[in-house]
């Protein structure tokens, strides 16, 4: 195993992590299509119940309460599914020009005039700046993947809840109308 004191190894490791987290975030956003099909089916299947609720006359409170519970669970599911639509990446890494020109000039300006700027020392400092930016980017992408996973899990939870409630509402509708 390579050393964690080696900046080259840490840069390579963080670059792989950034790529992996970006891929995982993209996979999470692709899962929305499955939820969209579920929402479409549920809304289409609820049309007879909606028609019954919109009829003028006596109000069946069991049907109203059940359908309201179904609607609330479905709205919560959709609320948690909306972040899955966003394919935006949190941040991007600065261009290489930033490191080999601006950061290098900054480091050269802060070397005392009586010292000689050693190329190896400057190179390691530049790698350290690059590694730190990569770590920040990897952490942001990691947080995004965790957030999207939580949103997906909550959306599935509320989708299943709305489905169960809908089954009860629809069975009640079929038995009474």
Protein backbone atom coordinates (compact mmCIF):
# COMPACT_ATOMS: atom_id res chain seq x y z
CA UNK A 1 0.00 0.00 0.00
CA UNK A 2 1.16 3.48 -0.79
CA UNK A 3 1.87 6.02 1.91
CA UNK A 4 -0.70 8.53 3.04
CA UNK A 5 2.19 10.98 3.43
CA UNK A 6 2.66 10.96 -0.35
CA UNK A 7 0.75 13.84 -1.99
CA UNK A 8 0.75 12.09 -5.37
CA UNK A 9 -1.06 9.08 -3.87
CA UNK A 10 -3.56 11.31 -2.07
CA UNK A 11 -4.25 13.29 -5.25
CA UNK A 12 -4.84 10.07 -7.17
CA UNK A 13 -7.10 8.73 -4.41
CA UNK A 14 -9.17 11.93 -4.22
CA UNK A 15 -9.54 12.12 -8.00
CA UNK A 16 -10.95 8.59 -8.00
CA UNK A 17 -13.32 9.46 -5.15
CA UNK A 18 -14.58 12.58 -6.94
CA UNK A 19 -15.31 10.54 -10.05
CA UNK A 20 -17.01 7.81 -8.04
CA UNK A 21 -19.23 10.24 -6.14
CA UNK A 22 -20.21 12.04 -9.35
CA UNK A 23 -21.18 8.69 -10.86
CA UNK A 24 -23.21 7.72 -7.78
CA UNK A 25 -25.05 11.05 -7.82
CA UNK A 26 -25.91 10.50 -11.49
CA UNK A 27 -27.26 7.02 -10.67
CA UNK A 28 -29.45 8.50 -7.95
CA UNK A 29 -30.97 11.00 -10.36
CA UNK A 30 -31.65 8.19 -12.85
CA UNK A 31 -33.86 6.49 -10.25
CA UNK A 32 -36.46 9.24 -10.58
CA UNK A 33 -37.88 7.59 -13.71
CA UNK A 34 -39.00 4.61 -11.61
CA UNK A 35 -40.77 6.94 -9.19
CA UNK A 36 -42.34 8.90 -12.04
CA UNK A 37 -43.98 5.74 -13.39
CA UNK A 38 -45.32 4.98 -9.91
CA UNK A 39 -46.76 8.49 -9.55
CA UNK A 40 -48.40 8.27 -12.97
CA UNK A 41 -50.06 4.95 -12.20
CA UNK A 42 -51.25 6.10 -8.79
CA UNK A 43 -52.75 9.31 -10.13
CA UNK A 44 -54.45 7.53 -13.03
CA UNK A 45 -55.88 4.88 -10.71
CA UNK A 46 -57.23 7.50 -8.32
CA UNK A 47 -59.48 9.16 -10.90
CA UNK A 48 -62.65 7.17 -10.01
CA UNK A 49 -62.23 8.08 -6.35
CA UNK A 50 -61.71 11.76 -7.25
CA UNK A 51 -64.87 11.70 -9.38
CA UNK A 52 -66.80 10.27 -6.44
CA UNK A 53 -65.42 12.90 -4.09
CA UNK A 54 -66.37 15.71 -6.46
CA UNK A 55 -70.01 14.61 -6.72
CA UNK A 56 -72.39 17.00 -5.07
CA UNK A 57 -74.50 15.42 -2.37
CA UNK A 58 -73.72 13.52 0.76
CA UNK A 59 -70.09 13.39 1.80
CA UNK A 60 -68.52 10.06 2.68
CA UNK A 61 -66.08 11.11 5.40
CA UNK A 62 -64.22 7.80 5.43
CA UNK A 63 -63.44 8.24 1.74
CA UNK A 64 -62.41 11.89 2.26
CA UNK A 65 -60.13 11.08 5.19
CA UNK A 66 -58.57 8.10 3.40
CA UNK A 67 -58.03 10.02 0.18
CA UNK A 68 -56.57 12.99 2.06
CA UNK A 69 -54.13 10.65 3.81
CA UNK A 70 -53.21 9.11 0.47
CA UNK A 71 -52.70 12.56 -1.04
CA UNK A 72 -50.51 13.72 1.85
CA UNK A 73 -48.27 10.65 1.61
CA UNK A 74 -48.03 11.06 -2.17
CA UNK A 75 -47.15 14.76 -1.87
CA UNK A 76 -44.43 13.93 0.68
CA UNK A 77 -43.06 11.29 -1.67
CA UNK A 78 -42.97 13.77 -4.55
CA UNK A 79 -41.36 16.38 -2.30
CA UNK A 80 -38.48 14.01 -1.56
CA UNK A 81 -38.23 12.93 -5.20
CA UNK A 82 -37.77 16.45 -6.57
CA UNK A 83 -34.07 16.74 -5.57
CA UNK A 84 -33.45 13.62 -7.66
CA UNK A 85 -34.31 15.67 -10.76
CA UNK A 86 -31.41 18.03 -10.22
CA UNK A 87 -28.32 16.78 -12.00
CA UNK A 88 -26.21 19.75 -10.91
CA UNK A 89 -22.80 19.02 -9.50
CA UNK A 90 -21.93 20.89 -6.29
CA UNK A 91 -18.68 22.46 -7.44
CA UNK A 92 -15.92 21.95 -9.92
CA UNK A 93 -12.19 22.02 -9.49
CA UNK A 94 -10.27 25.11 -10.51
CA UNK A 95 -8.49 25.11 -13.83
CA UNK A 96 -4.85 23.89 -13.78
CA UNK A 97 -3.77 27.42 -14.72
CA UNK A 98 -4.83 28.52 -11.25
CA UNK A 99 -2.33 26.17 -9.62
CA UNK A 100 0.67 26.42 -11.92
CA UNK A 101 0.42 30.18 -12.36
CA UNK A 102 -1.47 31.99 -9.60
CA UNK A 103 -0.73 29.76 -6.63
CA UNK A 104 2.87 29.39 -7.76
CA UNK A 105 3.26 33.18 -7.97
CA UNK A 106 1.64 33.53 -4.55
CA UNK A 107 4.08 31.03 -3.06
CA UNK A 108 7.05 32.73 -4.72
CA UNK A 109 5.98 36.13 -3.35
CA UNK A 110 5.88 34.77 0.20
CA UNK A 111 9.37 33.28 0.19
CA UNK A 112 11.76 35.49 2.13
CA UNK A 113 14.17 37.33 -0.21
CA UNK A 114 17.24 35.71 1.34
CA UNK A 115 16.02 32.16 0.59
CA UNK A 116 16.25 30.29 -2.67
CA UNK A 117 12.97 28.88 -4.02
CA UNK A 118 13.57 25.18 -4.37
CA UNK A 119 11.60 23.60 -7.18
CA UNK A 120 10.85 20.47 -5.15
CA UNK A 121 9.52 22.47 -2.21
CA UNK A 122 7.33 24.61 -4.48
CA UNK A 123 6.10 21.51 -6.28
CA UNK A 124 5.09 19.86 -3.00
CA UNK A 125 3.31 23.04 -1.87
CA UNK A 126 1.40 23.22 -5.16
CA UNK A 127 0.43 19.58 -4.81
CA UNK A 128 -0.75 20.30 -1.29
CA UNK A 129 -3.01 23.14 -2.50
CA UNK A 130 -4.37 20.92 -5.27
CA UNK A 131 -4.91 18.02 -2.87
CA UNK A 132 -6.78 20.26 -0.41
CA UNK A 133 -9.10 21.52 -3.17
CA UNK A 134 -9.67 17.95 -4.33
CA UNK A 135 -10.54 16.88 -0.78
CA UNK A 136 -13.07 19.72 -0.48
CA UNK A 137 -14.63 18.72 -3.80
CA UNK A 138 -14.75 15.05 -2.82
CA UNK A 139 -16.40 15.95 0.49
CA UNK A 140 -19.05 18.10 -1.24
CA UNK A 141 -19.83 15.32 -3.71
CA UNK A 142 -19.98 12.79 -0.87
CA UNK A 143 -22.48 14.98 1.00
CA UNK A 144 -24.56 15.28 -2.18
CA UNK A 145 -24.66 11.51 -2.68
CA UNK A 146 -25.70 10.99 0.95
CA UNK A 147 -28.41 13.65 0.59
CA UNK A 148 -29.74 12.13 -2.64
CA UNK A 149 -29.76 8.65 -1.08
CA UNK A 150 -31.73 10.00 1.89
CA UNK A 151 -34.20 11.73 -0.44
CA UNK A 152 -34.63 8.55 -2.48
CA UNK A 153 -35.16 6.42 0.63
CA UNK A 154 -37.73 8.87 2.02
CA UNK A 155 -39.48 9.05 -1.33
CA UNK A 156 -39.73 5.26 -1.52
CA UNK A 157 -40.99 5.12 2.06
CA UNK A 158 -43.77 7.63 1.40
CA UNK A 159 -44.56 6.02 -1.97
CA UNK A 160 -45.11 2.68 -0.28
CA UNK A 161 -47.18 4.35 2.44
CA UNK A 162 -49.33 6.11 -0.16
CA UNK A 163 -49.77 2.83 -2.04
CA UNK A 164 -50.97 1.00 1.07
CA UNK A 165 -53.34 3.83 1.95
CA UNK A 166 -54.57 3.92 -1.64
CA UNK A 167 -55.31 0.18 -1.55
CA UNK A 168 -57.51 0.69 1.50
CA UNK A 169 -59.24 3.71 -0.07
CA UNK A 170 -59.80 1.93 -3.37
CA UNK A 171 -61.13 -1.21 -1.67
CA UNK A 172 -63.48 0.97 0.38
CA UNK A 173 -64.57 2.70 -2.84
CA UNK A 174 -65.20 -0.62 -4.61
CA UNK A 175 -67.21 -2.04 -1.69
CA UNK A 176 -69.38 1.03 -1.23
CA UNK A 177 -69.89 2.44 -4.72
